[in-house]
Amino acid sequence: MDDSRLIEPLREIEKLAAFEGRGAGTDAERRAAEHLRGRLEELGRDAEVQPISVRPNWPVTHALHALLAILGSVLSVDTPVAGAAILAFVAVSAFGDLTGSFLLLRRLTGRRASQNVLSAEDGDKPGTLVLVAHYDTGRGGAVFSPRAAERRAVAGKLLRRTIGPFEPFFWSIVVVLACAVVRLFDIDALALTVVQFIFTVILIVSVPLLMDIALSGFVRGANDNASGVATVLRLAERYGGTLDHFDVWVLFTGAEKSLLLGMREWLARHRRELDRASTIFLDVNRVGHGTPRYTRKQGFVVAAAYHPALLELCEEIDEGRPVVSRGVSDAHLARMRGYPALSVSCLNAMDYALDRVDEDALERGYDFCCELVELVDERIGPDLAP
């Protein structure tokens, strides 16, 4: 590394990971945000910590969804109207929560103070490139263990598609709702009862799994996502003020592991100053192990496609491999709000739950991001010129 540069990735990862338990709304998360603001200022950038108010307790929220769905399933046998009504509410609430569109049942859970860290440039260039990485960590639990990740990977190979952690949960609610709707027409076939029973059992099993997450401690987060933060700092140091067509903004989001709450609040706050035609989001997430991958589609419920122009640029970079993700990232929410966006990782399917960092992987991820940033400036930038 050039001795004149301030950002050394492994050191940055260790410094951020030292803020143990930096979950959404914790004091560790707040102190980590102040640390990152200081690092950005040391790079000669203006930076600010933007307070937000969030409801981070998603495991309890979805445990309540599961319990209400179980109640609706039981009621639908003798009282189809009541059962279907409860299940319809649960399906809508769970859909809104998992897609980041709106929050219903989560409003019953407590609020916590979190924060985003923003460093904006005002170089009066026609475009804005927002480099994004979340700095908070999520909770552990059996669902996120290496064994569970391996089982999902095996199931994904059999089905020839990735299986997301929320897919069995959400689609079980939908299937049970469909069964309840059928019962509204006085249909009570054995096959209907068997199908409804199977998917109700899945919901019953999901309750202790969700509560296990709620009661688990926060992970260290070296790979997810101190590695992404370190890479964004390197990109900001290299490209800040140097691109021909884009001002480079840096956004470190809090409460991302609470299902994108930090990005949700940030987009709502800045939506009037961000032009959807000239603002591009590049999210760097878990680049500490594996091969560089860019996400073609992503989403817990329905996998939405990323911006085609950005995907075309990624195809020109030899290092990168396309992937369809059944998780979510900050870039996914930006894309759902209508912005050109892309998520980059170095994740292998079998390494999802492994919190380890490899220096070679960091360099591969960084090199991929550098090529992409330069291609964005070279190919997309000229079309933005006034």
Protein backbone atom coordinates (compact mmCIF):
# COMPACT_ATOMS: atom_id res chain seq x y z
CA MET A 1 0.00 0.00 0.00
CA ASP A 2 1.08 3.56 -0.73
CA ASP A 3 2.58 4.95 2.50
CA SER A 4 0.88 8.28 1.82
CA ARG A 5 -2.54 6.73 2.27
CA LEU A 6 -4.28 6.75 5.63
CA ILE A 7 -6.59 3.76 5.20
CA GLU A 8 -5.14 0.32 5.90
CA PRO A 9 -8.09 -2.12 5.62
CA LEU A 10 -7.17 -4.73 8.22
CA ARG A 11 -6.46 -2.06 10.80
CA GLU A 12 -9.76 -0.31 10.03
CA ILE A 13 -11.63 -3.60 10.43
CA GLU A 14 -10.04 -4.30 13.79
CA LYS A 15 -10.80 -0.80 15.05
CA LEU A 16 -14.47 -1.04 14.09
CA ALA A 17 -14.86 -4.62 15.31
CA ALA A 18 -13.49 -3.46 18.68
CA PHE A 19 -16.85 -1.73 19.24
CA GLU A 20 -18.40 -4.98 20.40
CA GLY A 21 -22.16 -5.31 20.42
CA ARG A 22 -22.78 -2.41 18.03
CA GLY A 23 -26.37 -3.40 17.35
CA ALA A 24 -29.02 -0.88 16.40
CA GLY A 25 -29.75 1.55 19.19
CA THR A 26 -26.81 0.56 21.39
CA ASP A 27 -24.16 2.80 22.89
CA ALA A 28 -21.53 0.78 21.01
CA GLU A 29 -23.24 1.66 17.72
CA ARG A 30 -23.23 5.35 18.69
CA ARG A 31 -19.52 5.26 19.57
CA ALA A 32 -18.74 3.44 16.32
CA ALA A 33 -20.55 6.19 14.40
CA GLU A 34 -18.46 8.88 16.09
CA HIS A 35 -15.32 6.89 15.28
CA LEU A 36 -16.26 6.75 11.60
CA ARG A 37 -17.06 10.45 11.51
CA GLY A 38 -13.55 11.09 12.84
CA ARG A 39 -11.97 8.82 10.24
CA LEU A 40 -13.76 10.64 7.43
CA GLU A 41 -12.59 13.99 8.78
CA GLU A 42 -9.02 12.67 8.90
CA LEU A 43 -9.40 12.06 5.16
CA GLY A 44 -10.12 15.77 4.78
CA ARG A 45 -13.85 15.31 4.27
CA ASP A 46 -16.74 17.04 6.01
CA ALA A 47 -18.80 14.49 7.93
CA GLU A 48 -21.80 14.49 10.22
CA VAL A 49 -23.66 12.03 12.40
CA GLN A 50 -27.38 12.16 11.63
CA PRO A 51 -29.59 10.91 14.48
CA ILE A 52 -32.56 8.70 13.61
CA SER A 53 -35.28 6.98 15.61
CA VAL A 54 -35.88 3.32 14.75
CA ARG A 55 -37.76 0.25 15.92
CA PRO A 56 -35.04 -2.41 15.62
CA ASN A 57 -36.75 -5.43 17.19
CA TRP A 58 -37.58 -7.35 14.04
CA PRO A 59 -37.30 -10.86 15.59
CA VAL A 60 -40.09 -10.11 18.07
CA THR A 61 -42.12 -8.47 15.30
CA HIS A 62 -42.00 -11.57 13.14
CA ALA A 63 -42.55 -13.88 16.10
CA LEU A 64 -45.79 -11.93 16.64
CA HIS A 65 -46.59 -12.33 12.95
CA ALA A 66 -46.11 -16.09 13.30
CA LEU A 67 -48.27 -16.32 16.43
CA LEU A 68 -51.09 -14.31 14.84
CA ALA A 69 -50.86 -16.47 11.70
CA ILE A 70 -51.12 -19.62 13.81
CA LEU A 71 -54.18 -18.16 15.55
CA GLY A 72 -55.70 -17.26 12.19
CA SER A 73 -55.06 -20.75 10.88
CA VAL A 74 -56.79 -22.36 13.88
CA LEU A 75 -59.76 -19.97 13.70
CA SER A 76 -60.20 -20.49 9.97
CA VAL A 77 -61.29 -24.10 10.50
CA ASP A 78 -64.49 -23.12 12.35
CA THR A 79 -64.66 -19.36 11.65
CA PRO A 80 -63.19 -18.82 8.17
CA VAL A 81 -63.99 -15.11 7.99
CA ALA A 82 -62.18 -14.26 11.23
CA GLY A 83 -59.23 -16.52 10.39
CA ALA A 84 -58.86 -15.10 6.89
CA ALA A 85 -59.05 -11.52 8.20
CA ILE A 86 -56.27 -12.11 10.72
CA LEU A 87 -54.12 -13.89 8.15
CA ALA A 88 -54.64 -11.13 5.57
CA PHE A 89 -53.45 -8.53 8.08
CA VAL A 90 -50.40 -10.65 8.96
CA ALA A 91 -49.49 -11.19 5.30
CA VAL A 92 -49.71 -7.46 4.53
CA SER A 93 -47.76 -6.50 7.66
CA ALA A 94 -45.03 -9.09 7.05
CA PHE A 95 -44.75 -8.09 3.38
CA GLY A 96 -44.34 -4.41 4.25
CA ASP A 97 -41.75 -5.18 6.92
CA LEU A 98 -39.66 -7.55 4.79
CA THR A 99 -39.66 -5.29 1.74
CA GLY A 100 -39.02 -2.07 3.68
CA SER A 101 -42.19 -0.56 2.20
CA PHE A 102 -44.06 0.16 5.43
CA LEU A 103 -44.22 -0.93 9.07
CA LEU A 104 -47.42 -2.08 10.74
CA LEU A 105 -47.05 -4.58 13.56
CA ARG A 106 -43.51 -3.38 14.24
CA ARG A 107 -45.02 -0.12 15.50
CA LEU A 108 -45.97 -2.01 18.67
CA THR A 109 -42.28 -2.51 19.52
CA GLY A 110 -40.05 0.03 21.25
CA ARG A 111 -38.11 2.87 19.66
CA ARG A 112 -34.36 3.29 19.96
CA ALA A 113 -31.97 6.05 18.96
CA SER A 114 -29.63 5.16 16.10
CA GLN A 115 -27.64 7.20 13.59
CA ASN A 116 -26.26 7.37 10.07
CA VAL A 117 -22.89 8.88 9.18
CA LEU A 118 -22.84 11.05 6.05
CA SER A 119 -19.99 12.74 4.22
CA ALA A 120 -21.21 14.70 1.21
CA GLU A 121 -19.26 16.49 -1.51
CA ASP A 122 -20.49 19.66 -3.17
CA GLY A 123 -18.32 19.86 -6.25
CA ASP A 124 -21.21 20.98 -8.46
CA LYS A 125 -20.81 17.92 -10.69
CA PRO A 126 -23.83 16.62 -12.61
CA GLY A 127 -23.97 13.27 -10.81
CA THR A 128 -23.72 11.91 -7.27
CA LEU A 129 -22.13 8.55 -6.45
CA VAL A 130 -23.13 7.39 -2.97
CA LEU A 131 -20.76 4.80 -1.51
CA VAL A 132 -22.66 2.86 1.15
CA ALA A 133 -21.73 0.39 3.87
CA HIS A 134 -23.54 -0.43 7.09
CA TYR A 135 -21.47 -0.39 10.26
CA ASP A 136 -23.88 -1.98 12.74
CA THR A 137 -24.02 -5.70 13.54
CA GLY A 138 -26.88 -8.14 13.88
CA ARG A 139 -27.72 -10.77 16.43
CA GLY A 140 -26.66 -14.38 16.21
CA GLY A 141 -28.92 -17.41 16.49
CA ALA A 142 -29.34 -20.91 15.10
CA VAL A 143 -30.78 -19.60 11.82
CA PHE A 144 -27.51 -17.79 11.06
CA SER A 145 -25.17 -20.59 12.12
CA PRO A 146 -22.73 -22.16 9.62
CA ARG A 147 -24.74 -25.39 9.73
CA ALA A 148 -27.98 -23.61 8.83
CA ALA A 149 -26.22 -21.73 6.02
CA GLU A 150 -24.85 -25.00 4.70
CA ARG A 151 -28.31 -26.59 4.72
CA ARG A 152 -29.78 -23.66 2.82
CA ALA A 153 -26.97 -23.91 0.31
CA VAL A 154 -27.64 -27.65 -0.20
CA ALA A 155 -31.37 -26.99 -0.57
CA GLY A 156 -30.57 -24.21 -3.02
CA LYS A 157 -28.51 -26.56 -5.18
CA LEU A 158 -31.36 -29.07 -5.26
CA LEU A 159 -33.86 -26.38 -6.23
CA ARG A 160 -31.33 -24.60 -8.46
CA ARG A 161 -31.95 -21.32 -6.67
CA THR A 162 -30.89 -19.60 -3.47
CA ILE A 163 -33.14 -20.13 -0.43
CA GLY A 164 -33.45 -17.07 1.76
CA PRO A 165 -33.90 -17.29 5.53
CA PHE A 166 -37.32 -15.59 5.39
CA GLU A 167 -38.82 -17.42 2.41
CA PRO A 168 -40.24 -20.45 4.30
CA PHE A 169 -41.67 -18.08 6.93
CA PHE A 170 -43.35 -15.59 4.59
CA TRP A 171 -44.66 -18.05 2.03
CA SER A 172 -46.08 -20.24 4.80
CA ILE A 173 -48.21 -17.25 5.84
CA VAL A 174 -49.35 -16.82 2.23
CA VAL A 175 -50.22 -20.51 1.82
CA VAL A 176 -52.17 -20.64 5.09
CA LEU A 177 -54.00 -17.46 4.04
CA ALA A 178 -54.88 -19.10 0.72
CA CYS A 179 -56.24 -22.14 2.58
CA ALA A 180 -58.36 -19.87 4.80
CA VAL A 181 -59.75 -18.09 1.72
CA VAL A 182 -60.69 -21.44 0.18
CA ARG A 183 -62.54 -22.32 3.38
CA LEU A 184 -64.70 -19.22 2.90
CA PHE A 185 -66.43 -21.16 0.10
CA ASP A 186 -67.30 -24.07 2.46
CA ILE A 187 -64.59 -26.28 1.01
CA ASP A 188 -63.13 -28.63 3.62
CA ALA A 189 -61.21 -31.27 1.69
CA LEU A 190 -58.65 -33.51 3.35
CA ALA A 191 -55.89 -32.28 1.03
CA LEU A 192 -56.66 -28.70 2.07
CA THR A 193 -56.40 -29.63 5.74
CA VAL A 194 -53.09 -31.45 5.20
CA VAL A 195 -51.53 -28.52 3.32
CA GLN A 196 -52.72 -26.02 5.91
CA PHE A 197 -51.42 -28.18 8.74
CA ILE A 198 -47.94 -28.55 7.18
CA PHE A 199 -47.45 -24.83 6.69
CA THR A 200 -48.91 -24.02 10.09
CA VAL A 201 -46.26 -26.32 11.61
CA ILE A 202 -43.58 -24.34 9.78
CA LEU A 203 -44.93 -21.20 11.44
CA ILE A 204 -44.95 -22.91 14.82
CA VAL A 205 -41.29 -23.89 14.38
CA SER A 206 -40.40 -20.33 13.35
CA VAL A 207 -41.49 -18.88 16.72
CA PRO A 208 -38.68 -20.38 18.85
CA LEU A 209 -36.17 -19.71 16.05
CA LEU A 210 -37.12 -16.03 15.98
CA MET A 211 -37.06 -15.75 19.75
CA ASP A 212 -33.64 -17.42 19.73
CA ILE A 213 -32.42 -14.55 17.55
CA ALA A 214 -34.08 -11.98 19.82
CA LEU A 215 -32.28 -13.42 22.86
CA SER A 216 -28.89 -13.89 21.18
CA GLY A 217 -26.01 -11.45 21.51
CA PHE A 218 -24.66 -9.28 18.73
CA VAL A 219 -21.96 -10.76 16.52
CA ARG A 220 -18.51 -9.19 16.14
CA GLY A 221 -19.11 -8.20 12.54
CA ALA A 222 -15.58 -8.21 11.12
CA ASN A 223 -16.78 -9.44 7.74
CA ASP A 224 -20.39 -8.25 8.08
CA ASN A 225 -19.71 -5.44 7.72
CA ALA A 226 -16.47 -3.88 8.97
CA SER A 227 -14.93 -5.19 5.75
CA GLY A 228 -17.39 -3.12 3.70
CA VAL A 229 -16.76 -0.01 5.81
CA ALA A 230 -12.99 -0.33 5.35
CA THR A 231 -13.40 -0.73 1.59
CA VAL A 232 -15.65 2.32 1.32
CA LEU A 233 -13.11 4.36 3.29
CA ARG A 234 -10.43 3.29 0.80
CA LEU A 235 -12.67 4.22 -2.13
CA ALA A 236 -13.45 7.60 -0.60
CA GLU A 237 -9.74 8.28 -0.07
CA ARG A 238 -8.94 7.33 -3.66
CA TYR A 239 -11.81 8.94 -5.55
CA GLY A 240 -12.99 11.81 -3.38
CA GLY A 241 -12.98 14.95 -5.55
CA THR A 242 -11.26 13.19 -8.45
CA LEU A 243 -14.10 11.87 -10.61
CA ASP A 244 -14.99 13.89 -13.69
CA HIS A 245 -18.76 13.59 -13.51
CA PHE A 246 -19.69 12.57 -9.95
CA ASP A 247 -19.46 14.02 -6.50
CA VAL A 248 -18.56 11.16 -4.14
CA TRP A 249 -20.72 10.85 -1.04
CA VAL A 250 -20.04 8.37 1.76
CA LEU A 251 -22.91 6.92 3.76
CA PHE A 252 -22.40 4.58 6.71
CA THR A 253 -25.81 3.34 7.79
CA GLY A 254 -26.89 2.26 11.23
CA ALA A 255 -29.70 -0.22 11.96
CA GLU A 256 -29.16 -2.03 8.65
CA LYS A 257 -29.32 -5.40 10.37
CA SER A 258 -32.75 -4.41 11.67
CA LEU A 259 -33.94 -4.80 8.06
CA LEU A 260 -32.58 -1.62 6.49
CA LEU A 261 -34.02 0.91 8.92
CA GLY A 262 -31.03 3.26 8.67
CA MET A 263 -31.22 3.48 4.88
CA ARG A 264 -35.01 3.76 5.05
CA GLU A 265 -34.75 6.82 7.29
CA TRP A 266 -31.90 8.33 5.26
CA LEU A 267 -33.74 8.05 1.94
CA ALA A 268 -36.84 9.60 3.48
CA ARG A 269 -34.79 12.53 4.82
CA HIS A 270 -32.83 13.22 1.62
CA ARG A 271 -35.32 12.27 -1.09
CA ARG A 272 -35.87 15.87 -2.21
CA GLU A 273 -32.19 16.59 -2.79
CA LEU A 274 -31.38 13.36 -4.64
CA ASP A 275 -32.14 13.21 -8.36
CA ARG A 276 -33.15 9.67 -9.35
CA ALA A 277 -31.65 10.19 -12.81
CA SER A 278 -28.19 11.22 -11.62
CA THR A 279 -27.71 9.58 -8.19
CA ILE A 280 -26.09 6.15 -8.09
CA PHE A 281 -25.76 3.97 -5.00
CA LEU A 282 -22.92 1.45 -4.64
CA ASP A 283 -23.31 -0.72 -1.55
CA VAL A 284 -20.28 -2.68 -0.32
CA ASN A 285 -21.28 -5.54 1.94
CA ARG A 286 -19.26 -8.47 3.32
CA VAL A 287 -16.13 -8.28 1.16
CA GLY A 288 -13.84 -10.03 3.63
CA HIS A 289 -13.99 -13.55 2.26
CA GLY A 290 -14.66 -15.20 -1.09
CA THR A 291 -14.72 -14.02 -4.68
CA PRO A 292 -16.11 -10.68 -5.88
CA ARG A 293 -19.79 -10.91 -6.68
CA TYR A 294 -22.29 -8.37 -7.90
CA THR A 295 -25.98 -8.88 -7.22
CA ARG A 296 -28.30 -9.15 -10.22
CA LYS A 297 -31.48 -9.56 -8.19
CA GLN A 298 -32.20 -9.31 -4.49
CA GLY A 299 -35.04 -9.46 -1.99
CA PHE A 300 -36.49 -11.43 0.93
CA VAL A 301 -39.89 -11.89 -0.70
CA VAL A 302 -39.46 -11.17 -4.40
CA ALA A 303 -36.02 -10.76 -5.96
CA ALA A 304 -36.03 -7.36 -7.68
CA ALA A 305 -33.54 -6.65 -10.48
CA TYR A 306 -30.77 -4.10 -10.11
CA HIS A 307 -30.14 -1.34 -12.64
CA PRO A 308 -29.35 -2.82 -16.08
CA ALA A 309 -26.72 -0.20 -16.99
CA LEU A 310 -24.75 -0.98 -13.83
CA LEU A 311 -25.08 -4.73 -14.42
CA GLU A 312 -23.70 -4.30 -17.94
CA LEU A 313 -20.64 -2.53 -16.55
CA CYS A 314 -20.09 -5.34 -14.04
CA GLU A 315 -20.11 -7.89 -16.86
CA GLU A 316 -17.05 -6.18 -18.34
CA ILE A 317 -15.01 -6.73 -15.17
CA ASP A 318 -13.29 -10.12 -15.25
CA GLU A 319 -13.15 -10.58 -11.48
CA GLY A 320 -16.87 -10.32 -10.78
CA ARG A 321 -19.50 -13.05 -10.75
CA PRO A 322 -23.26 -12.43 -10.84
CA VAL A 323 -25.47 -13.73 -8.05
CA VAL A 324 -29.15 -13.69 -7.11
CA SER A 325 -29.53 -12.97 -3.41
CA ARG A 326 -32.49 -13.82 -1.19
CA GLY A 327 -31.21 -11.41 1.43
CA VAL A 328 -31.39 -7.63 1.35
CA SER A 329 -28.92 -4.75 1.39
CA ASP A 330 -29.06 -0.97 1.51
CA ALA A 331 -28.68 -0.92 -2.27
CA HIS A 332 -31.82 -3.05 -2.59
CA LEU A 333 -33.89 -0.46 -0.75
CA ALA A 334 -32.39 2.37 -2.84
CA ARG A 335 -33.29 0.43 -5.98
CA MET A 336 -36.83 -0.14 -4.72
CA ARG A 337 -37.10 3.63 -4.28
CA GLY A 338 -36.22 4.13 -7.94
CA TYR A 339 -32.48 4.92 -7.83
CA PRO A 340 -29.78 3.22 -9.92
CA ALA A 341 -28.07 0.97 -7.38
CA LEU A 342 -25.87 -2.08 -7.05
CA SER A 343 -24.63 -4.30 -4.23
CA VAL A 344 -21.11 -5.79 -4.27
CA SER A 345 -19.81 -8.54 -1.99
CA CYS A 346 -17.12 -11.21 -1.94
CA LEU A 347 -19.46 -13.77 -0.51
CA ASN A 348 -19.50 -17.47 -1.25
CA ALA A 349 -22.75 -19.26 -0.46
CA MET A 350 -21.15 -21.59 2.11
CA ASP A 351 -19.44 -18.69 3.91
CA TYR A 352 -22.58 -16.73 4.77
CA ALA A 353 -22.28 -17.27 8.51
CA LEU A 354 -18.50 -17.12 8.78
CA ASP A 355 -17.11 -13.99 10.40
CA ARG A 356 -13.62 -14.08 8.98
CA VAL A 357 -11.56 -11.72 6.87
CA ASP A 358 -8.99 -12.62 4.26
CA GLU A 359 -6.64 -9.88 3.03
CA ASP A 360 -6.58 -11.24 -0.51
CA ALA A 361 -10.38 -11.18 -0.66
CA LEU A 362 -10.37 -7.58 0.56
CA GLU A 363 -8.01 -6.63 -2.24
CA ARG A 364 -10.10 -8.45 -4.83
CA GLY A 365 -13.24 -6.71 -3.65
CA TYR A 366 -11.53 -3.34 -3.57
CA ASP A 367 -10.10 -3.79 -7.08
CA PHE A 368 -13.53 -4.78 -8.39
CA CYS A 369 -15.11 -1.67 -6.84
CA CYS A 370 -12.36 0.55 -8.26
CA GLU A 371 -12.93 -0.75 -11.78
CA LEU A 372 -16.67 -0.28 -11.38
CA VAL A 373 -16.38 3.28 -10.08
CA GLU A 374 -14.11 4.21 -12.98
CA LEU A 375 -16.45 2.61 -15.52
CA VAL A 376 -19.43 4.44 -14.02
CA ASP A 377 -17.59 7.77 -14.36
CA GLU A 378 -16.39 6.96 -17.88
CA ARG A 379 -19.54 5.43 -19.37
CA ILE A 380 -22.50 6.82 -17.46
CA GLY A 381 -21.04 10.16 -16.40
CA PRO A 382 -20.87 11.85 -19.84
CA ASP A 383 -24.63 11.35 -20.34
CA LEU A 384 -25.25 13.39 -17.18
CA ALA A 385 -23.35 16.46 -18.37
CA PRO A 386 -25.62 19.51 -18.67
